[in-house]
Amino acid sequence: MQPRALMVPPGIPDFNTRERTVPAGPCLLQGRAWSGWAPVTRVEVSTDGGETWADAELEPLDSRWGWRGWRFEWAADEPGEYVLCCRAHDEAGNVQPDEADLERRRLFEQCTAAGSGHGPDSPATIRARRSSSAGKSN
């Protein structure tokens, strides 16, 4: 099994479009990664549809073959649309493929919310918006 990173979709979903909205500002992205070949050693996150990548922080590895948690502090400071995706690397040098086999992808999307940030082949579109309470303190 190739490495696979999954992202917990941030923000509030829109039922019709499956797009999600987050308030402008800091946003914690997090998820899990796994590989059937070797332990996960790296997870990368992209906020521009895979044009650029940055390393996520990995949680300690509990088991050689277990899922490994990761987190990424995203600064969604500018309102606009962002396409989020993630990819995993393992100790054996395998990298999560950019394009999944179509049948595997169909099965995967039946089991999860499509477009929820589960790899570059299924990115999430996120809208960062300034809330009316921006700049107010409690």
Protein backbone atom coordinates (compact mmCIF):
# COMPACT_ATOMS: atom_id res chain seq x y z
CA MET A 1 0.00 0.00 0.00
CA GLN A 2 1.43 3.36 -1.08
CA PRO A 3 1.78 6.12 1.52
CA ARG A 4 -1.41 8.03 2.15
CA ALA A 5 -2.01 11.23 4.10
CA LEU A 6 -5.53 12.25 5.07
CA MET A 7 -6.59 15.71 6.21
CA VAL A 8 -9.40 16.57 8.61
CA PRO A 9 -11.35 19.13 6.56
CA PRO A 10 -11.20 22.53 8.28
CA GLY A 11 -14.00 25.04 8.46
CA ILE A 12 -17.73 24.99 7.83
CA PRO A 13 -19.00 23.04 4.79
CA ASP A 14 -21.46 24.32 2.22
CA PHE A 15 -23.91 21.50 1.47
CA ASN A 16 -24.38 22.26 -2.24
CA THR A 17 -20.80 22.94 -3.31
CA ARG A 18 -18.81 20.94 -0.72
CA GLU A 19 -16.63 24.01 -0.33
CA ARG A 20 -15.65 24.94 3.21
CA THR A 21 -15.27 28.36 4.86
CA VAL A 22 -12.77 29.25 7.58
CA PRO A 23 -12.32 32.61 9.28
CA ALA A 24 -9.31 34.54 8.01
CA GLY A 25 -6.33 34.09 10.32
CA PRO A 26 -4.51 31.15 11.87
CA CYS A 27 -5.97 27.73 11.04
CA LEU A 28 -4.72 24.40 12.34
CA LEU A 29 -4.67 21.70 9.66
CA GLN A 30 -4.27 18.16 10.91
CA GLY A 31 -4.62 14.58 9.86
CA ARG A 32 -3.09 11.12 9.77
CA ALA A 33 -0.70 9.32 7.45
CA TRP A 34 0.12 5.65 6.85
CA SER A 35 2.15 3.46 4.53
CA GLY A 36 2.09 -0.27 3.96
CA TRP A 37 5.78 -0.34 3.04
CA ALA A 38 7.59 1.50 5.84
CA PRO A 39 6.98 4.06 8.60
CA VAL A 40 5.85 7.53 7.52
CA THR A 41 8.77 9.96 7.81
CA ARG A 42 7.29 13.10 6.27
CA VAL A 43 3.98 14.75 5.43
CA GLU A 44 3.74 17.81 3.21
CA VAL A 45 0.85 20.26 2.94
CA SER A 46 -0.03 22.55 0.04
CA THR A 47 -2.45 25.47 0.23
CA ASP A 48 -2.25 26.26 -3.49
CA GLY A 49 -3.33 23.02 -5.13
CA GLY A 50 0.12 21.42 -5.14
CA GLU A 51 2.13 24.30 -6.63
CA THR A 52 4.21 24.63 -3.44
CA TRP A 53 4.64 22.33 -0.45
CA ALA A 54 5.65 22.78 3.20
CA ASP A 55 6.47 20.16 5.83
CA ALA A 56 3.92 19.35 8.50
CA GLU A 57 4.91 18.54 12.07
CA LEU A 58 4.72 14.80 12.76
CA GLU A 59 3.49 13.29 16.00
CA PRO A 60 5.58 10.54 17.61
CA LEU A 61 5.33 7.14 15.94
CA ASP A 62 3.47 4.71 18.22
CA SER A 63 3.87 1.68 15.97
CA ARG A 64 5.98 0.95 12.90
CA TRP A 65 2.81 0.12 10.95
CA GLY A 66 0.33 2.46 12.61
CA TRP A 67 -1.22 5.72 11.45
CA ARG A 68 0.93 8.73 12.28
CA GLY A 69 -0.66 12.03 13.26
CA TRP A 70 0.48 15.32 11.74
CA ARG A 71 -0.34 19.01 12.09
CA PHE A 72 0.31 22.18 10.13
CA GLU A 73 -0.23 25.79 11.22
CA TRP A 74 -1.72 27.58 8.21
CA ALA A 75 -1.94 31.37 8.11
CA ALA A 76 -5.12 31.95 6.10
CA ASP A 77 -4.63 35.69 6.46
CA GLU A 78 -5.88 36.81 3.06
CA PRO A 79 -9.52 36.28 2.08
CA GLY A 80 -9.83 34.15 -1.04
CA GLU A 81 -9.98 30.59 -2.26
CA TYR A 82 -7.34 28.01 -1.36
CA VAL A 83 -6.98 24.44 -2.55
CA LEU A 84 -5.60 22.32 0.29
CA CYS A 85 -3.92 18.96 -0.16
CA CYS A 86 -1.40 16.75 1.62
CA ARG A 87 0.97 13.92 0.75
CA ALA A 88 2.97 11.39 2.73
CA HIS A 89 6.49 10.00 2.35
CA ASP A 90 7.78 6.80 3.97
CA GLU A 91 11.14 5.50 5.16
CA ALA A 92 11.50 3.31 2.02
CA GLY A 93 11.41 6.40 -0.23
CA ASN A 94 7.81 5.97 -1.41
CA VAL A 95 5.74 9.12 -1.94
CA GLN A 96 1.97 9.34 -2.10
CA PRO A 97 1.00 9.30 -5.79
CA ASP A 98 -0.47 12.48 -7.27
CA GLU A 99 -3.10 10.53 -9.20
CA ALA A 100 -5.00 7.62 -7.70
CA ASP A 101 -6.25 4.67 -9.68
CA LEU A 102 -9.79 5.65 -10.78
CA GLU A 103 -11.51 2.60 -9.26
CA ARG A 104 -9.70 3.00 -5.96
CA ARG A 105 -10.61 6.69 -5.95
CA ARG A 106 -14.30 5.95 -6.59
CA LEU A 107 -14.34 3.48 -3.71
CA PHE A 108 -12.49 5.95 -1.48
CA GLU A 109 -14.93 8.75 -2.27
CA GLN A 110 -17.89 6.50 -1.48
CA CYS A 111 -16.45 6.00 2.00
CA THR A 112 -15.43 9.62 2.69
CA ALA A 113 -16.53 13.12 1.81
CA ALA A 114 -15.24 13.86 -1.67
CA GLY A 115 -13.10 16.95 -1.94
CA SER A 116 -12.12 16.94 1.69
CA GLY A 117 -8.38 17.33 1.34
CA HIS A 118 -7.39 13.69 1.09
CA GLY A 119 -4.37 14.02 -1.16
CA PRO A 120 -3.63 15.98 -4.33
CA ASP A 121 -6.11 13.87 -6.32
CA SER A 122 -8.98 14.98 -4.06
CA PRO A 123 -8.23 18.52 -2.83
CA ALA A 124 -10.49 20.69 -0.72
CA THR A 125 -11.45 24.19 -1.80
CA ILE A 126 -11.38 26.46 1.24
CA ARG A 127 -12.60 30.03 1.39
CA ALA A 128 -10.93 32.22 4.00
CA ARG A 129 -13.18 35.10 5.02
CA ARG A 130 -12.84 37.94 7.44
CA SER A 131 -15.54 37.73 10.06
CA SER A 132 -17.48 40.78 11.25
CA SER A 133 -15.86 40.31 14.66
CA ALA A 134 -12.31 40.54 13.28
CA GLY A 135 -10.15 42.76 15.42
CA LYS A 136 -12.54 42.76 18.38
CA SER A 137 -11.31 41.43 21.70
CA ASN A 138 -13.42 39.56 24.22
